[in-house]
Amino acid sequence: MTRLEGIRAAIVDLDGTMVDTAPDFLVAVNRMRSDLGLAPTDIGTITRFVGKGTENLMRRVLALDYDVAGVERHFEAALASYSRHYIEINGLHSSVYPGVREGLAALRAKGLRLACVTNKPYGFARPLLASTGLDGYFELVYGGDSLPKKKPDPYPLLKVCEDFGLTPAQVVAIGDSSNDALAARAAGCRVLNVPYGYNHGESIHNVDSDGIVSSLLDAANLIHA
């Protein structure tokens, strides 16, 4: 795989890239569904729905039982219930993927500046990074509600480039899904994908990227300042 030269910063995704959060999503979703009198769903369904923000997750989960009008009728109650349950269990059922801590440490050791950009709401992302001990690696953290647009729009990545005073060509995005790759390509950043995340239930091998790496540590070994 070709080394990435001239990279001075990395933008790292959270869910499915650094932390396996699907078990947390499952618990919170099923508690919400119980509040609404609905039967529980399963982890496979949840992993297909993760990646485009909490609002999208709620609508897709509700669509298992309701038509479009029904989804919108129950959306606000579902979102409020889910948010209440999620903040209570945030991180309790999640685990950091192998190679993440080592990879972040290696990126920092190479002098790269690090930002975490996730579609997860900021109020969920910050506590999760803190509880896993990953928060200290990042200069910047943007959640899905931090900026006017979220991935796959390039805006969050371009905002990081602006904040760091770097051109997009000096920045690599690392993520588990097409959201990360599409945002990076549109922004003009390089992009590496990990194969173990969610990617909406689709193969990551079908995504246009600069390479698939088995871990963040492997990503760090490909990146050169």
C-alpha atoms as a PDB file:
ATOM      1  CA  MET A   1       0.000   0.000   0.000  1.00  0.00           C
ATOM      2  CA  THR A   2       1.315   3.461  -0.902  1.00  0.00           C
ATOM      3  CA  ARG A   3       2.636   5.617   1.923  1.00  0.00           C
ATOM      4  CA  LEU A   4       0.865   8.932   2.482  1.00  0.00           C
ATOM      5  CA  GLU A   5       3.446  11.708   2.347  1.00  0.00           C
ATOM      6  CA  GLY A   6       3.240  15.297   3.566  1.00  0.00           C
ATOM      7  CA  ILE A   7       0.455  14.626   6.076  1.00  0.00           C
ATOM      8  CA  ARG A   8       0.365  16.995   9.041  1.00  0.00           C
ATOM      9  CA  ALA A   9      -2.992  16.174  10.653  1.00  0.00           C
ATOM     10  CA  ALA A  10      -5.472  13.330  10.963  1.00  0.00           C
ATOM     11  CA  ILE A  11      -9.237  13.516  11.385  1.00  0.00           C
ATOM     12  CA  VAL A  12     -10.491  10.371  13.115  1.00  0.00           C
ATOM     13  CA  ASP A  13     -14.064   9.086  13.264  1.00  0.00           C
ATOM     14  CA  LEU A  14     -15.443   7.732  16.562  1.00  0.00           C
ATOM     15  CA  ASP A  15     -18.204   5.095  16.296  1.00  0.00           C
ATOM     16  CA  GLY A  16     -17.001   1.995  14.472  1.00  0.00           C
ATOM     17  CA  THR A  17     -13.488   3.427  14.065  1.00  0.00           C
ATOM     18  CA  MET A  18     -12.151   4.000  17.573  1.00  0.00           C
ATOM     19  CA  VAL A  19     -14.930   2.544  19.730  1.00  0.00           C
ATOM     20  CA  ASP A  20     -17.370  -0.318  19.173  1.00  0.00           C
ATOM     21  CA  THR A  21     -20.472   1.514  20.353  1.00  0.00           C
ATOM     22  CA  ALA A  22     -23.147  -0.660  18.734  1.00  0.00           C
ATOM     23  CA  PRO A  23     -23.861  -2.460  22.050  1.00  0.00           C
ATOM     24  CA  ASP A  24     -24.590   0.917  23.680  1.00  0.00           C
ATOM     25  CA  PHE A  25     -26.866   1.867  20.797  1.00  0.00           C
ATOM     26  CA  LEU A  26     -28.718  -1.444  21.147  1.00  0.00           C
ATOM     27  CA  VAL A  27     -29.377  -0.996  24.861  1.00  0.00           C
ATOM     28  CA  ALA A  28     -30.581   2.597  24.496  1.00  0.00           C
ATOM     29  CA  VAL A  29     -32.693   1.841  21.412  1.00  0.00           C
ATOM     30  CA  ASN A  30     -34.393  -1.120  23.041  1.00  0.00           C
ATOM     31  CA  ARG A  31     -35.136   0.869  26.192  1.00  0.00           C
ATOM     32  CA  MET A  32     -36.677   3.542  23.974  1.00  0.00           C
ATOM     33  CA  ARG A  33     -38.670   0.921  22.093  1.00  0.00           C
ATOM     34  CA  SER A  34     -39.923  -0.476  25.393  1.00  0.00           C
ATOM     35  CA  ASP A  35     -41.058   3.022  26.395  1.00  0.00           C
ATOM     36  CA  LEU A  36     -43.059   3.181  23.156  1.00  0.00           C
ATOM     37  CA  GLY A  37     -44.491  -0.319  23.630  1.00  0.00           C
ATOM     38  CA  LEU A  38     -42.433  -1.818  20.794  1.00  0.00           C
ATOM     39  CA  ALA A  39     -40.583  -5.133  20.691  1.00  0.00           C
ATOM     40  CA  PRO A  40     -36.781  -5.110  20.983  1.00  0.00           C
ATOM     41  CA  THR A  41     -34.569  -5.169  17.894  1.00  0.00           C
ATOM     42  CA  ASP A  42     -31.191  -6.858  17.386  1.00  0.00           C
ATOM     43  CA  ILE A  43     -27.545  -5.844  17.061  1.00  0.00           C
ATOM     44  CA  GLY A  44     -27.383  -6.622  13.337  1.00  0.00           C
ATOM     45  CA  THR A  45     -30.187  -4.187  12.617  1.00  0.00           C
ATOM     46  CA  ILE A  46     -28.557  -1.502  14.730  1.00  0.00           C
ATOM     47  CA  THR A  47     -25.172  -1.768  13.018  1.00  0.00           C
ATOM     48  CA  ARG A  48     -26.841  -1.250   9.630  1.00  0.00           C
ATOM     49  CA  PHE A  49     -28.495   1.936  10.901  1.00  0.00           C
ATOM     50  CA  VAL A  50     -25.473   3.579  12.582  1.00  0.00           C
ATOM     51  CA  GLY A  51     -23.440   6.328  10.968  1.00  0.00           C
ATOM     52  CA  LYS A  52     -25.615   9.222   9.852  1.00  0.00           C
ATOM     53  CA  GLY A  53     -26.468  10.745  13.195  1.00  0.00           C
ATOM     54  CA  THR A  54     -28.957  10.152  15.993  1.00  0.00           C
ATOM     55  CA  GLU A  55     -31.950  11.607  14.139  1.00  0.00           C
ATOM     56  CA  ASN A  56     -31.407   9.229  11.238  1.00  0.00           C
ATOM     57  CA  LEU A  57     -30.990   6.302  13.643  1.00  0.00           C
ATOM     58  CA  MET A  58     -34.301   7.129  15.348  1.00  0.00           C
ATOM     59  CA  ARG A  59     -36.185   7.401  12.083  1.00  0.00           C
ATOM     60  CA  ARG A  60     -34.813   4.097  10.785  1.00  0.00           C
ATOM     61  CA  VAL A  61     -35.571   2.301  14.042  1.00  0.00           C
ATOM     62  CA  LEU A  62     -39.121   3.667  14.075  1.00  0.00           C
ATOM     63  CA  ALA A  63     -39.558   2.692  10.417  1.00  0.00           C
ATOM     64  CA  LEU A  64     -39.342  -0.948  11.523  1.00  0.00           C
ATOM     65  CA  ASP A  65     -42.866  -0.492  12.884  1.00  0.00           C
ATOM     66  CA  TYR A  66     -44.411   2.653  11.374  1.00  0.00           C
ATOM     67  CA  ASP A  67     -45.052   4.207   7.998  1.00  0.00           C
ATOM     68  CA  VAL A  68     -43.582   7.620   7.172  1.00  0.00           C
ATOM     69  CA  ALA A  69     -46.352   9.529   8.915  1.00  0.00           C
ATOM     70  CA  GLY A  70     -46.104   7.285  11.972  1.00  0.00           C
ATOM     71  CA  VAL A  71     -42.350   7.758  12.148  1.00  0.00           C
ATOM     72  CA  GLU A  72     -42.736  11.528  12.246  1.00  0.00           C
ATOM     73  CA  ARG A  73     -45.593  11.305  14.749  1.00  0.00           C
ATOM     74  CA  HIS A  74     -43.463   9.342  17.221  1.00  0.00           C
ATOM     75  CA  PHE A  75     -40.084  10.887  16.377  1.00  0.00           C
ATOM     76  CA  GLU A  76     -39.827  13.538  19.106  1.00  0.00           C
ATOM     77  CA  ALA A  77     -40.893  11.143  21.874  1.00  0.00           C
ATOM     78  CA  ALA A  78     -38.511   8.483  20.590  1.00  0.00           C
ATOM     79  CA  LEU A  79     -35.595  10.910  20.372  1.00  0.00           C
ATOM     80  CA  ALA A  80     -36.202  12.229  23.892  1.00  0.00           C
ATOM     81  CA  SER A  81     -36.470   8.706  25.311  1.00  0.00           C
ATOM     82  CA  TYR A  82     -33.398   7.469  23.467  1.00  0.00           C
ATOM     83  CA  SER A  83     -31.310  10.467  24.491  1.00  0.00           C
ATOM     84  CA  ARG A  84     -32.263  10.025  28.144  1.00  0.00           C
ATOM     85  CA  HIS A  85     -31.351   6.338  28.121  1.00  0.00           C
ATOM     86  CA  TYR A  86     -28.198   6.768  26.048  1.00  0.00           C
ATOM     87  CA  ILE A  87     -26.599   9.352  28.307  1.00  0.00           C
ATOM     88  CA  GLU A  88     -27.208   7.008  31.252  1.00  0.00           C
ATOM     89  CA  ILE A  89     -25.347   4.071  29.675  1.00  0.00           C
ATOM     90  CA  ASN A  90     -22.925   5.912  27.346  1.00  0.00           C
ATOM     91  CA  GLY A  91     -19.753   3.809  27.185  1.00  0.00           C
ATOM     92  CA  LEU A  92     -20.879   1.103  29.621  1.00  0.00           C
ATOM     93  CA  HIS A  93     -21.303  -1.550  26.930  1.00  0.00           C
ATOM     94  CA  SER A  94     -18.703  -0.214  24.476  1.00  0.00           C
ATOM     95  CA  SER A  95     -15.061  -1.170  23.949  1.00  0.00           C
ATOM     96  CA  VAL A  96     -12.047   0.469  22.309  1.00  0.00           C
ATOM     97  CA  TYR A  97     -10.905  -1.411  19.214  1.00  0.00           C
ATOM     98  CA  PRO A  98      -7.436  -3.026  19.177  1.00  0.00           C
ATOM     99  CA  GLY A  99      -4.665  -0.746  17.954  1.00  0.00           C
ATOM    100  CA  VAL A 100      -6.548   2.494  18.606  1.00  0.00           C
ATOM    101  CA  ARG A 101      -4.549   3.775  21.568  1.00  0.00           C
ATOM    102  CA  GLU A 102      -1.285   2.656  19.977  1.00  0.00           C
ATOM    103  CA  GLY A 103      -2.277   4.244  16.670  1.00  0.00           C
ATOM    104  CA  LEU A 104      -3.217   7.585  18.198  1.00  0.00           C
ATOM    105  CA  ALA A 105       0.002   7.620  20.205  1.00  0.00           C
ATOM    106  CA  ALA A 106       2.022   6.840  17.060  1.00  0.00           C
ATOM    107  CA  LEU A 107       0.292   9.613  15.093  1.00  0.00           C
ATOM    108  CA  ARG A 108       1.043  12.093  17.857  1.00  0.00           C
ATOM    109  CA  ALA A 109       4.651  10.871  18.054  1.00  0.00           C
ATOM    110  CA  LYS A 110       5.017  11.713  14.349  1.00  0.00           C
ATOM    111  CA  GLY A 111       3.963  15.275  15.106  1.00  0.00           C
ATOM    112  CA  LEU A 112       0.481  15.048  13.589  1.00  0.00           C
ATOM    113  CA  ARG A 113      -2.320  17.188  14.960  1.00  0.00           C
ATOM    114  CA  LEU A 114      -5.470  15.192  15.706  1.00  0.00           C
ATOM    115  CA  ALA A 115      -9.166  15.997  15.474  1.00  0.00           C
ATOM    116  CA  CYS A 116     -12.135  13.741  16.152  1.00  0.00           C
ATOM    117  CA  VAL A 117     -15.058  14.381  13.809  1.00  0.00           C
ATOM    118  CA  THR A 118     -18.142  12.270  14.409  1.00  0.00           C
ATOM    119  CA  ASN A 119     -21.824  12.381  13.509  1.00  0.00           C
ATOM    120  CA  LYS A 120     -22.557  11.452  17.133  1.00  0.00           C
ATOM    121  CA  PRO A 121     -23.993  14.409  19.087  1.00  0.00           C
ATOM    122  CA  TYR A 122     -21.253  16.349  20.864  1.00  0.00           C
ATOM    123  CA  GLY A 123     -22.938  15.766  24.231  1.00  0.00           C
ATOM    124  CA  PHE A 124     -22.543  12.011  23.703  1.00  0.00           C
ATOM    125  CA  ALA A 125     -19.116  12.102  22.029  1.00  0.00           C
ATOM    126  CA  ARG A 126     -17.245  14.101  24.670  1.00  0.00           C
ATOM    127  CA  PRO A 127     -18.212  11.875  27.645  1.00  0.00           C
ATOM    128  CA  LEU A 128     -17.410   8.741  25.631  1.00  0.00           C
ATOM    129  CA  LEU A 129     -13.952  10.013  24.700  1.00  0.00           C
ATOM    130  CA  ALA A 130     -13.370  10.918  28.344  1.00  0.00           C
ATOM    131  CA  SER A 131     -14.556   7.571  29.755  1.00  0.00           C
ATOM    132  CA  THR A 132     -12.382   5.623  27.314  1.00  0.00           C
ATOM    133  CA  GLY A 133      -9.376   7.827  27.984  1.00  0.00           C
ATOM    134  CA  LEU A 134      -9.102   8.883  24.331  1.00  0.00           C
ATOM    135  CA  ASP A 135      -9.941  12.554  24.806  1.00  0.00           C
ATOM    136  CA  GLY A 136      -6.375  13.616  25.584  1.00  0.00           C
ATOM    137  CA  TYR A 137      -5.181  12.790  22.064  1.00  0.00           C
ATOM    138  CA  PHE A 138      -7.407  15.353  20.325  1.00  0.00           C
ATOM    139  CA  GLU A 139      -7.031  19.107  19.917  1.00  0.00           C
ATOM    140  CA  LEU A 140     -10.484  19.366  18.364  1.00  0.00           C
ATOM    141  CA  VAL A 141     -13.714  17.412  18.736  1.00  0.00           C
ATOM    142  CA  TYR A 142     -16.715  18.118  16.507  1.00  0.00           C
ATOM    143  CA  GLY A 143     -19.990  16.235  16.942  1.00  0.00           C
ATOM    144  CA  GLY A 144     -22.829  15.882  14.497  1.00  0.00           C
ATOM    145  CA  ASP A 145     -24.560  18.887  16.042  1.00  0.00           C
ATOM    146  CA  SER A 146     -21.443  21.080  16.405  1.00  0.00           C
ATOM    147  CA  LEU A 147     -21.539  22.510  12.889  1.00  0.00           C
ATOM    148  CA  PRO A 148     -24.200  23.392  10.293  1.00  0.00           C
ATOM    149  CA  LYS A 149     -23.488  20.211   8.296  1.00  0.00           C
ATOM    150  CA  LYS A 150     -22.293  16.706   9.093  1.00  0.00           C
ATOM    151  CA  LYS A 151     -20.499  13.955   7.171  1.00  0.00           C
ATOM    152  CA  PRO A 152     -20.731  12.942   4.314  1.00  0.00           C
ATOM    153  CA  ASP A 153     -20.756  16.699   3.646  1.00  0.00           C
ATOM    154  CA  PRO A 154     -17.142  17.925   3.497  1.00  0.00           C
ATOM    155  CA  TYR A 155     -17.819  20.949   5.714  1.00  0.00           C
ATOM    156  CA  PRO A 156     -16.641  19.430   9.043  1.00  0.00           C
ATOM    157  CA  LEU A 157     -13.356  18.301   7.473  1.00  0.00           C
ATOM    158  CA  LEU A 158     -12.804  21.658   5.804  1.00  0.00           C
ATOM    159  CA  LYS A 159     -13.495  23.363   9.148  1.00  0.00           C
ATOM    160  CA  VAL A 160     -10.756  21.290  10.781  1.00  0.00           C
ATOM    161  CA  CYS A 161      -8.353  22.200   7.965  1.00  0.00           C
ATOM    162  CA  GLU A 162      -9.198  25.860   8.541  1.00  0.00           C
ATOM    163  CA  ASP A 163      -8.815  25.534  12.311  1.00  0.00           C
ATOM    164  CA  PHE A 164      -5.411  23.869  11.917  1.00  0.00           C
ATOM    165  CA  GLY A 165      -4.276  26.277   9.187  1.00  0.00           C
ATOM    166  CA  LEU A 166      -3.586  23.398   6.797  1.00  0.00           C
ATOM    167  CA  THR A 167      -4.575  22.602   3.228  1.00  0.00           C
ATOM    168  CA  PRO A 168      -6.828  19.558   2.734  1.00  0.00           C
ATOM    169  CA  ALA A 169      -3.944  17.785   0.967  1.00  0.00           C
ATOM    170  CA  GLN A 170      -2.046  17.864   4.291  1.00  0.00           C
ATOM    171  CA  VAL A 171      -4.860  16.104   6.151  1.00  0.00           C
ATOM    172  CA  VAL A 172      -5.987  12.469   6.203  1.00  0.00           C
ATOM    173  CA  ALA A 173      -9.382  11.251   7.379  1.00  0.00           C
ATOM    174  CA  ILE A 174      -9.604   7.830   9.036  1.00  0.00           C
ATOM    175  CA  GLY A 175     -12.984   6.159   9.360  1.00  0.00           C
ATOM    176  CA  ASP A 176     -15.062   3.040   8.967  1.00  0.00           C
ATOM    177  CA  SER A 177     -17.667   4.124   6.454  1.00  0.00           C
ATOM    178  CA  SER A 178     -18.560   5.735   3.159  1.00  0.00           C
ATOM    179  CA  ASN A 179     -19.472   8.885   5.144  1.00  0.00           C
ATOM    180  CA  ASP A 180     -15.800   9.413   5.941  1.00  0.00           C
ATOM    181  CA  ALA A 181     -14.602   8.627   2.413  1.00  0.00           C
ATOM    182  CA  LEU A 182     -17.183  10.806   0.675  1.00  0.00           C
ATOM    183  CA  ALA A 183     -16.506  13.735   2.991  1.00  0.00           C
ATOM    184  CA  ALA A 184     -12.745  13.393   2.542  1.00  0.00           C
ATOM    185  CA  ARG A 185     -12.903  13.110  -1.239  1.00  0.00           C
ATOM    186  CA  ALA A 186     -15.170  16.156  -1.476  1.00  0.00           C
ATOM    187  CA  ALA A 187     -12.897  18.136   0.848  1.00  0.00           C
ATOM    188  CA  GLY A 188      -9.708  17.149  -0.980  1.00  0.00           C
ATOM    189  CA  CYS A 189      -8.279  15.186   1.964  1.00  0.00           C
ATOM    190  CA  ARG A 190      -6.710  11.754   1.809  1.00  0.00           C
ATOM    191  CA  VAL A 191      -8.712   8.944   3.398  1.00  0.00           C
ATOM    192  CA  LEU A 192      -8.038   5.558   4.983  1.00  0.00           C
ATOM    193  CA  ASN A 193     -10.767   3.135   6.025  1.00  0.00           C
ATOM    194  CA  VAL A 194     -10.801   0.406   8.665  1.00  0.00           C
ATOM    195  CA  PRO A 195     -12.716  -2.806   7.803  1.00  0.00           C
ATOM    196  CA  TYR A 196     -14.161  -3.701  11.208  1.00  0.00           C
ATOM    197  CA  GLY A 197     -16.750  -0.927  11.648  1.00  0.00           C
ATOM    198  CA  TYR A 198     -20.337  -0.521  10.527  1.00  0.00           C
ATOM    199  CA  ASN A 199     -20.568   1.205   7.092  1.00  0.00           C
ATOM    200  CA  HIS A 200     -24.351   0.886   7.006  1.00  0.00           C
ATOM    201  CA  GLY A 201     -24.102  -2.900   6.565  1.00  0.00           C
ATOM    202  CA  GLU A 202     -22.190  -2.622   3.264  1.00  0.00           C
ATOM    203  CA  SER A 203     -18.683  -3.804   2.378  1.00  0.00           C
ATOM    204  CA  ILE A 204     -15.991  -1.197   2.982  1.00  0.00           C
ATOM    205  CA  HIS A 205     -14.136  -2.652  -0.011  1.00  0.00           C
ATOM    206  CA  ASN A 206     -16.655  -0.936  -2.289  1.00  0.00           C
ATOM    207  CA  VAL A 207     -15.727   2.501  -0.928  1.00  0.00           C
ATOM    208  CA  ASP A 208     -13.330   4.795  -2.801  1.00  0.00           C
ATOM    209  CA  SER A 209     -10.393   5.413  -0.447  1.00  0.00           C
ATOM    210  CA  ASP A 210      -6.599   5.582  -0.398  1.00  0.00           C
ATOM    211  CA  GLY A 211      -6.417   2.254   1.384  1.00  0.00           C
ATOM    212  CA  ILE A 212      -7.966  -0.135   3.891  1.00  0.00           C
ATOM    213  CA  VAL A 213      -5.934  -0.547   7.073  1.00  0.00           C
ATOM    214  CA  SER A 214      -6.501  -3.226   9.691  1.00  0.00           C
ATOM    215  CA  SER A 215      -6.085  -0.805  12.607  1.00  0.00           C
ATOM    216  CA  LEU A 216      -5.259   2.787  13.520  1.00  0.00           C
ATOM    217  CA  LEU A 217      -1.733   1.629  14.250  1.00  0.00           C
ATOM    218  CA  ASP A 218      -1.426   0.343  10.667  1.00  0.00           C
ATOM    219  CA  ALA A 219      -2.767   3.698   9.495  1.00  0.00           C
ATOM    220  CA  ALA A 220      -0.113   5.513  11.511  1.00  0.00           C
ATOM    221  CA  ASN A 221       2.590   3.357   9.937  1.00  0.00           C
ATOM    222  CA  LEU A 222       1.457   4.487   6.450  1.00  0.00           C
ATOM    223  CA  ILE A 223       1.370   8.185   7.252  1.00  0.00           C
ATOM    224  CA  HIS A 224       4.434  10.403   6.973  1.00  0.00           C
ATOM    225  CA  ALA A 225       4.679  14.079   7.797  1.00  0.00           C
END
